[in-house]
């Protein structure tokens, strides 16, 4: 069991089961939403249990996906494709220890020009 929350505690959740190795997304939407790149783990939606969701808001980021965030503190918590049973959960929202390590970088073609990726992990352009 893993637990997590937003900054103010308005959104609190539990994840049942193991976490997949997280990836780091460098796409323009994740960078704008988070203020930098965004790291998440993908889980099946059935593994996620919201124990408090009073301030959870969803933003339709595109025709195919939405982003979940706290309407009070603004924490960016979830990303979900409309037609998939998987949801991405922000690594920064999870309580330690998570027991996982970063596995890869995605959308590196969109990364900011103000930083380099030099950790040796696999990189996917698009």
N, C-alpha and C. Protein backbone atom coordinates (compact mmCIF):
# COMPACT_ATOMS: atom_id res chain seq x y z
N UNK A 1 0.85 -1.18 0.00
CA UNK A 1 0.00 0.00 0.00
C UNK A 1 0.90 1.25 0.00
N UNK A 2 0.58 2.18 -0.86
CA UNK A 2 1.28 3.47 -0.92
C UNK A 2 0.25 4.56 -0.66
N UNK A 3 0.69 5.63 -0.04
CA UNK A 3 -0.19 6.76 0.25
C UNK A 3 0.38 8.02 -0.35
N UNK A 4 -0.50 9.02 -0.54
CA UNK A 4 -0.06 10.29 -1.09
C UNK A 4 -1.12 11.35 -0.89
N UNK A 5 -0.74 12.60 -1.20
CA UNK A 5 -1.67 13.71 -1.05
C UNK A 5 -1.15 14.94 -1.78
N UNK A 6 -2.01 15.94 -1.85
CA UNK A 6 -1.60 17.25 -2.34
C UNK A 6 -0.96 18.01 -1.18
N UNK A 7 -0.54 19.24 -1.41
CA UNK A 7 0.11 20.04 -0.36
C UNK A 7 -0.81 20.38 0.80
N UNK A 8 -2.07 20.67 0.52
CA UNK A 8 -2.96 21.13 1.58
C UNK A 8 -3.76 20.00 2.24
N UNK A 9 -3.72 18.80 1.66
CA UNK A 9 -4.44 17.67 2.22
C UNK A 9 -5.88 17.55 1.76
N UNK A 10 -6.30 18.38 0.82
CA UNK A 10 -7.65 18.29 0.29
C UNK A 10 -7.86 17.06 -0.57
N UNK A 11 -6.77 16.57 -1.17
CA UNK A 11 -6.81 15.33 -1.96
C UNK A 11 -5.84 14.37 -1.30
N UNK A 12 -6.36 13.24 -0.86
CA UNK A 12 -5.56 12.19 -0.22
C UNK A 12 -5.91 10.89 -0.91
N UNK A 13 -4.91 10.05 -1.16
CA UNK A 13 -5.17 8.81 -1.89
C UNK A 13 -4.30 7.67 -1.39
N UNK A 14 -4.72 6.46 -1.77
CA UNK A 14 -3.98 5.24 -1.50
C UNK A 14 -3.85 4.48 -2.81
N UNK A 15 -2.73 3.78 -2.95
CA UNK A 15 -2.50 2.92 -4.12
C UNK A 15 -2.27 1.52 -3.59
N UNK A 16 -3.08 0.61 -4.07
CA UNK A 16 -2.96 -0.78 -3.67
C UNK A 16 -2.05 -1.49 -4.66
N UNK A 17 -0.97 -2.09 -4.18
CA UNK A 17 -0.07 -2.85 -5.04
C UNK A 17 1.23 -2.12 -5.32
N UNK A 18 2.01 -2.76 -6.16
CA UNK A 18 3.33 -2.25 -6.52
C UNK A 18 3.23 -1.05 -7.47
N UNK A 19 4.25 -0.20 -7.40
CA UNK A 19 4.36 0.93 -8.32
C UNK A 19 5.25 0.53 -9.49
N UNK A 20 4.87 0.95 -10.68
CA UNK A 20 5.72 0.75 -11.85
C UNK A 20 6.89 1.72 -11.77
N UNK A 21 8.04 1.37 -12.34
CA UNK A 21 9.15 2.32 -12.36
C UNK A 21 8.71 3.62 -13.02
N UNK A 22 8.93 4.75 -12.37
CA UNK A 22 8.45 6.02 -12.91
C UNK A 22 9.25 6.54 -14.09
N UNK A 23 8.59 7.34 -14.89
CA UNK A 23 9.25 8.03 -16.00
C UNK A 23 9.19 9.53 -15.73
N UNK A 24 10.00 10.26 -16.47
CA UNK A 24 10.04 11.72 -16.38
C UNK A 24 9.55 12.27 -17.71
N UNK A 25 8.51 13.08 -17.69
CA UNK A 25 7.94 13.64 -18.91
C UNK A 25 8.42 15.08 -19.09
N UNK A 26 8.94 15.37 -20.28
CA UNK A 26 9.45 16.70 -20.60
C UNK A 26 8.57 17.43 -21.60
N UNK A 27 7.33 16.95 -21.83
CA UNK A 27 6.46 17.59 -22.81
C UNK A 27 6.09 19.01 -22.35
N UNK A 28 5.68 19.82 -23.27
CA UNK A 28 5.33 21.20 -22.95
C UNK A 28 4.19 21.33 -21.95
N UNK A 29 3.18 20.46 -22.05
CA UNK A 29 2.07 20.53 -21.10
C UNK A 29 2.51 20.20 -19.68
N UNK A 30 3.31 19.14 -19.52
CA UNK A 30 3.78 18.78 -18.17
C UNK A 30 4.67 19.87 -17.59
N UNK A 31 5.51 20.46 -18.45
CA UNK A 31 6.39 21.52 -17.95
C UNK A 31 5.58 22.73 -17.51
N UNK A 32 4.57 23.11 -18.27
CA UNK A 32 3.74 24.26 -17.88
C UNK A 32 2.90 23.97 -16.65
N UNK A 33 2.35 22.74 -16.58
CA UNK A 33 1.50 22.37 -15.45
C UNK A 33 2.30 22.27 -14.15
N UNK A 34 3.51 21.72 -14.23
CA UNK A 34 4.29 21.47 -13.01
C UNK A 34 5.33 22.54 -12.70
N UNK A 35 5.68 23.34 -13.69
CA UNK A 35 6.73 24.33 -13.49
C UNK A 35 8.10 23.82 -13.91
N UNK A 36 8.21 22.57 -14.29
CA UNK A 36 9.46 21.95 -14.75
C UNK A 36 9.06 20.65 -15.43
N UNK A 37 9.87 19.62 -15.40
CA UNK A 37 9.41 18.34 -15.92
C UNK A 37 8.61 17.63 -14.84
N UNK A 38 7.90 16.56 -15.21
CA UNK A 38 7.00 15.88 -14.28
C UNK A 38 7.32 14.39 -14.24
N UNK A 39 7.44 13.84 -13.07
CA UNK A 39 7.71 12.42 -12.90
C UNK A 39 6.47 11.73 -12.37
N UNK A 40 6.15 10.58 -12.97
CA UNK A 40 4.95 9.84 -12.54
C UNK A 40 5.14 8.35 -12.69
N UNK A 41 4.30 7.62 -11.98
CA UNK A 41 4.21 6.18 -12.12
C UNK A 41 2.83 5.84 -12.67
N UNK A 42 2.77 4.85 -13.51
CA UNK A 42 1.50 4.44 -14.08
C UNK A 42 0.93 3.25 -13.33
N UNK A 43 -0.34 3.35 -12.99
CA UNK A 43 -1.03 2.26 -12.30
C UNK A 43 -2.39 2.02 -12.96
N UNK A 44 -2.99 0.89 -12.67
CA UNK A 44 -4.34 0.64 -13.12
C UNK A 44 -5.28 1.49 -12.26
N UNK A 45 -6.29 2.07 -12.88
CA UNK A 45 -7.22 2.92 -12.13
C UNK A 45 -7.87 2.21 -10.95
N UNK A 46 -8.01 0.89 -11.03
CA UNK A 46 -8.61 0.14 -9.93
C UNK A 46 -7.71 0.10 -8.70
N UNK A 47 -6.42 0.40 -8.86
CA UNK A 47 -5.49 0.41 -7.73
C UNK A 47 -5.58 1.70 -6.92
N UNK A 48 -6.18 2.74 -7.48
CA UNK A 48 -6.24 4.06 -6.85
C UNK A 48 -7.52 4.21 -6.04
N UNK A 49 -7.36 4.60 -4.79
CA UNK A 49 -8.52 4.88 -3.94
C UNK A 49 -8.36 6.27 -3.36
N UNK A 50 -9.29 7.15 -3.67
CA UNK A 50 -9.29 8.51 -3.13
C UNK A 50 -9.95 8.48 -1.76
N UNK A 51 -9.20 8.84 -0.72
CA UNK A 51 -9.77 8.86 0.63
C UNK A 51 -10.28 10.25 0.99
N UNK A 52 -9.83 11.26 0.25
CA UNK A 52 -10.37 12.61 0.36
C UNK A 52 -10.22 13.24 -1.02
N UNK A 53 -11.32 13.75 -1.55
CA UNK A 53 -11.28 14.34 -2.89
C UNK A 53 -12.06 15.65 -2.97
N UNK A 54 -12.26 16.30 -1.82
CA UNK A 54 -13.06 17.52 -1.81
C UNK A 54 -12.54 18.59 -2.74
N UNK A 55 -11.24 18.68 -2.90
CA UNK A 55 -10.67 19.76 -3.71
C UNK A 55 -10.14 19.26 -5.06
N UNK A 56 -10.37 17.98 -5.39
CA UNK A 56 -9.87 17.44 -6.66
C UNK A 56 -10.65 18.05 -7.83
N UNK A 57 -9.92 18.56 -8.78
CA UNK A 57 -10.49 19.13 -10.00
C UNK A 57 -9.82 18.46 -11.19
N UNK A 58 -10.55 18.37 -12.29
CA UNK A 58 -10.02 17.79 -13.52
C UNK A 58 -10.01 18.83 -14.62
N UNK A 59 -8.92 18.87 -15.36
CA UNK A 59 -8.74 19.79 -16.47
C UNK A 59 -8.60 18.96 -17.74
N UNK A 60 -9.45 19.20 -18.74
CA UNK A 60 -9.33 18.50 -20.02
C UNK A 60 -8.17 19.12 -20.79
N UNK A 61 -7.01 18.47 -20.70
CA UNK A 61 -5.79 19.00 -21.29
C UNK A 61 -5.77 18.87 -22.80
N UNK A 62 -6.54 17.93 -23.33
CA UNK A 62 -6.63 17.72 -24.78
C UNK A 62 -7.91 16.93 -25.04
N UNK A 63 -8.13 16.58 -26.29
CA UNK A 63 -9.30 15.78 -26.63
C UNK A 63 -9.17 14.35 -26.11
N UNK A 64 -7.95 13.94 -25.74
CA UNK A 64 -7.73 12.54 -25.36
C UNK A 64 -7.32 12.34 -23.90
N UNK A 65 -6.99 13.40 -23.18
CA UNK A 65 -6.49 13.21 -21.81
C UNK A 65 -6.91 14.34 -20.89
N UNK A 66 -6.91 14.01 -19.59
CA UNK A 66 -7.22 15.02 -18.58
C UNK A 66 -6.17 14.98 -17.47
N UNK A 67 -6.08 16.07 -16.73
CA UNK A 67 -5.13 16.21 -15.63
C UNK A 67 -5.89 16.51 -14.35
N UNK A 68 -5.55 15.80 -13.27
CA UNK A 68 -6.17 16.01 -11.98
C UNK A 68 -5.27 16.84 -11.08
N UNK A 69 -5.85 17.83 -10.43
CA UNK A 69 -5.08 18.72 -9.57
C UNK A 69 -5.93 19.16 -8.39
N UNK A 70 -5.29 19.71 -7.38
CA UNK A 70 -6.02 20.24 -6.24
C UNK A 70 -6.46 21.66 -6.54
N UNK A 71 -7.75 21.92 -6.39
CA UNK A 71 -8.29 23.24 -6.65
C UNK A 71 -7.93 24.27 -5.60
N UNK A 72 -7.40 23.84 -4.46
CA UNK A 72 -7.00 24.77 -3.41
C UNK A 72 -5.51 25.11 -3.50
N UNK A 73 -4.65 24.10 -3.43
CA UNK A 73 -3.20 24.38 -3.42
C UNK A 73 -2.57 24.30 -4.81
N UNK A 74 -3.29 23.77 -5.79
CA UNK A 74 -2.79 23.72 -7.16
C UNK A 74 -1.90 22.55 -7.50
N UNK A 75 -1.67 21.63 -6.57
CA UNK A 75 -0.78 20.50 -6.84
C UNK A 75 -1.30 19.66 -8.00
N UNK A 76 -0.42 19.37 -8.96
CA UNK A 76 -0.71 18.56 -10.14
C UNK A 76 -0.48 17.10 -9.75
N UNK A 77 -1.55 16.30 -9.69
CA UNK A 77 -1.49 14.96 -9.10
C UNK A 77 -1.64 13.81 -10.08
N UNK A 78 -2.51 13.95 -11.08
CA UNK A 78 -2.85 12.82 -11.94
C UNK A 78 -2.90 13.23 -13.41
N UNK A 79 -2.64 12.26 -14.26
CA UNK A 79 -2.82 12.38 -15.71
C UNK A 79 -3.51 11.12 -16.17
N UNK A 80 -4.60 11.25 -16.93
CA UNK A 80 -5.34 10.07 -17.37
C UNK A 80 -5.79 10.21 -18.82
N UNK A 81 -5.48 9.21 -19.62
CA UNK A 81 -6.00 9.13 -20.99
C UNK A 81 -7.47 8.76 -20.89
N UNK A 82 -8.31 9.37 -21.69
CA UNK A 82 -9.75 9.14 -21.61
C UNK A 82 -10.16 7.70 -21.92
N UNK A 83 -9.38 7.01 -22.76
CA UNK A 83 -9.77 5.68 -23.22
C UNK A 83 -8.91 4.56 -22.66
N UNK A 84 -8.20 4.80 -21.57
CA UNK A 84 -7.35 3.76 -20.99
C UNK A 84 -7.71 3.52 -19.54
N UNK A 85 -7.38 2.34 -19.05
CA UNK A 85 -7.63 1.98 -17.65
C UNK A 85 -6.46 2.32 -16.75
N UNK A 86 -5.46 2.99 -17.30
CA UNK A 86 -4.28 3.37 -16.52
C UNK A 86 -4.35 4.85 -16.18
N UNK A 87 -3.77 5.20 -15.03
CA UNK A 87 -3.67 6.60 -14.62
C UNK A 87 -2.24 6.83 -14.15
N UNK A 88 -1.70 7.99 -14.47
CA UNK A 88 -0.37 8.37 -14.01
C UNK A 88 -0.51 9.18 -12.73
N UNK A 89 0.32 8.86 -11.75
CA UNK A 89 0.27 9.50 -10.44
C UNK A 89 1.61 10.20 -10.20
N UNK A 90 1.56 11.45 -9.79
CA UNK A 90 2.77 12.24 -9.55
C UNK A 90 3.63 11.61 -8.47
N UNK A 91 4.89 11.38 -8.78
CA UNK A 91 5.83 10.82 -7.80
C UNK A 91 5.99 11.77 -6.62
N UNK A 92 5.97 13.07 -6.87
CA UNK A 92 6.14 14.05 -5.80
C UNK A 92 5.00 14.07 -4.80
N UNK A 93 3.85 13.51 -5.17
CA UNK A 93 2.70 13.48 -4.27
C UNK A 93 2.71 12.25 -3.36
N UNK A 94 3.57 11.28 -3.66
CA UNK A 94 3.61 10.04 -2.89
C UNK A 94 4.45 10.20 -1.63
N UNK A 95 4.01 9.56 -0.57
CA UNK A 95 4.78 9.54 0.68
C UNK A 95 5.92 8.52 0.53
N UNK A 96 7.06 8.84 1.10
CA UNK A 96 8.21 7.94 1.08
C UNK A 96 8.05 6.88 2.16
N UNK A 97 8.64 5.74 1.96
CA UNK A 97 9.43 5.32 0.81
C UNK A 97 8.54 4.76 -0.31
N UNK A 98 8.94 5.02 -1.55
CA UNK A 98 8.19 4.51 -2.69
C UNK A 98 8.73 3.16 -3.16
N UNK A 99 10.02 2.94 -2.96
CA UNK A 99 10.63 1.68 -3.38
C UNK A 99 10.92 1.58 -4.86
N UNK A 100 10.83 2.67 -5.59
CA UNK A 100 11.10 2.64 -7.04
C UNK A 100 12.17 3.67 -7.39
N UNK A 101 12.73 3.50 -8.58
CA UNK A 101 13.72 4.42 -9.13
C UNK A 101 13.28 4.84 -10.52
N UNK A 102 13.67 6.04 -10.95
CA UNK A 102 13.35 6.50 -12.30
C UNK A 102 13.82 5.49 -13.33
N UNK A 103 13.04 5.35 -14.41
CA UNK A 103 13.38 4.37 -15.44
C UNK A 103 13.70 4.98 -16.80
N UNK A 104 13.10 6.13 -17.12
CA UNK A 104 13.30 6.70 -18.46
C UNK A 104 12.79 8.13 -18.51
N UNK A 105 13.16 8.80 -19.60
CA UNK A 105 12.69 10.15 -19.91
C UNK A 105 11.84 10.05 -21.18
N UNK A 106 10.70 10.76 -21.21
CA UNK A 106 9.85 10.75 -22.40
C UNK A 106 9.62 12.19 -22.88
N UNK A 107 9.28 12.30 -24.15
CA UNK A 107 9.06 13.59 -24.81
C UNK A 107 10.25 14.53 -24.65
N UNK A 108 11.45 13.96 -24.79
CA UNK A 108 12.66 14.77 -24.60
C UNK A 108 12.85 15.80 -25.72
N UNK A 109 12.22 15.61 -26.86
CA UNK A 109 12.31 16.60 -27.94
C UNK A 109 11.67 17.92 -27.53
N UNK A 110 10.77 17.88 -26.53
CA UNK A 110 10.09 19.09 -26.06
C UNK A 110 10.71 19.69 -24.80
N UNK A 111 11.81 19.12 -24.33
CA UNK A 111 12.39 19.58 -23.06
C UNK A 111 12.78 21.05 -23.12
N UNK A 112 12.87 21.66 -21.96
CA UNK A 112 13.29 23.05 -21.88
C UNK A 112 14.73 23.23 -22.31
N UNK A 113 15.05 24.40 -22.81
CA UNK A 113 16.43 24.66 -23.25
C UNK A 113 17.36 25.06 -22.11
N UNK A 114 16.84 25.10 -20.91
CA UNK A 114 17.61 25.58 -19.75
C UNK A 114 18.20 24.45 -18.92
N UNK A 115 18.06 23.20 -19.35
CA UNK A 115 18.64 22.08 -18.60
C UNK A 115 19.08 20.97 -19.54
N UNK A 116 19.94 20.11 -19.05
CA UNK A 116 20.42 18.93 -19.77
C UNK A 116 19.94 17.68 -19.05
N UNK A 117 19.80 16.61 -19.81
CA UNK A 117 19.48 15.31 -19.23
C UNK A 117 20.76 14.49 -19.29
N UNK A 118 21.34 14.23 -18.14
CA UNK A 118 22.64 13.57 -18.13
C UNK A 118 22.73 12.42 -17.14
N UNK A 119 21.58 11.82 -16.81
CA UNK A 119 21.60 10.74 -15.82
C UNK A 119 21.81 9.36 -16.44
N UNK A 120 21.90 9.28 -17.76
CA UNK A 120 22.15 8.00 -18.41
C UNK A 120 20.94 7.11 -18.61
N UNK A 121 19.77 7.54 -18.20
CA UNK A 121 18.57 6.74 -18.40
C UNK A 121 18.12 6.80 -19.86
N UNK A 122 17.39 5.80 -20.33
CA UNK A 122 16.87 5.82 -21.70
C UNK A 122 16.01 7.06 -21.95
N UNK A 123 16.08 7.55 -23.18
CA UNK A 123 15.31 8.73 -23.57
C UNK A 123 14.47 8.43 -24.80
N UNK A 124 13.22 8.83 -24.76
CA UNK A 124 12.31 8.69 -25.91
C UNK A 124 11.92 10.08 -26.37
N UNK A 125 12.08 10.34 -27.66
CA UNK A 125 11.84 11.68 -28.21
C UNK A 125 10.40 12.12 -28.17
N UNK A 126 9.51 11.31 -28.67
CA UNK A 126 8.10 11.68 -28.76
C UNK A 126 7.24 10.79 -27.92
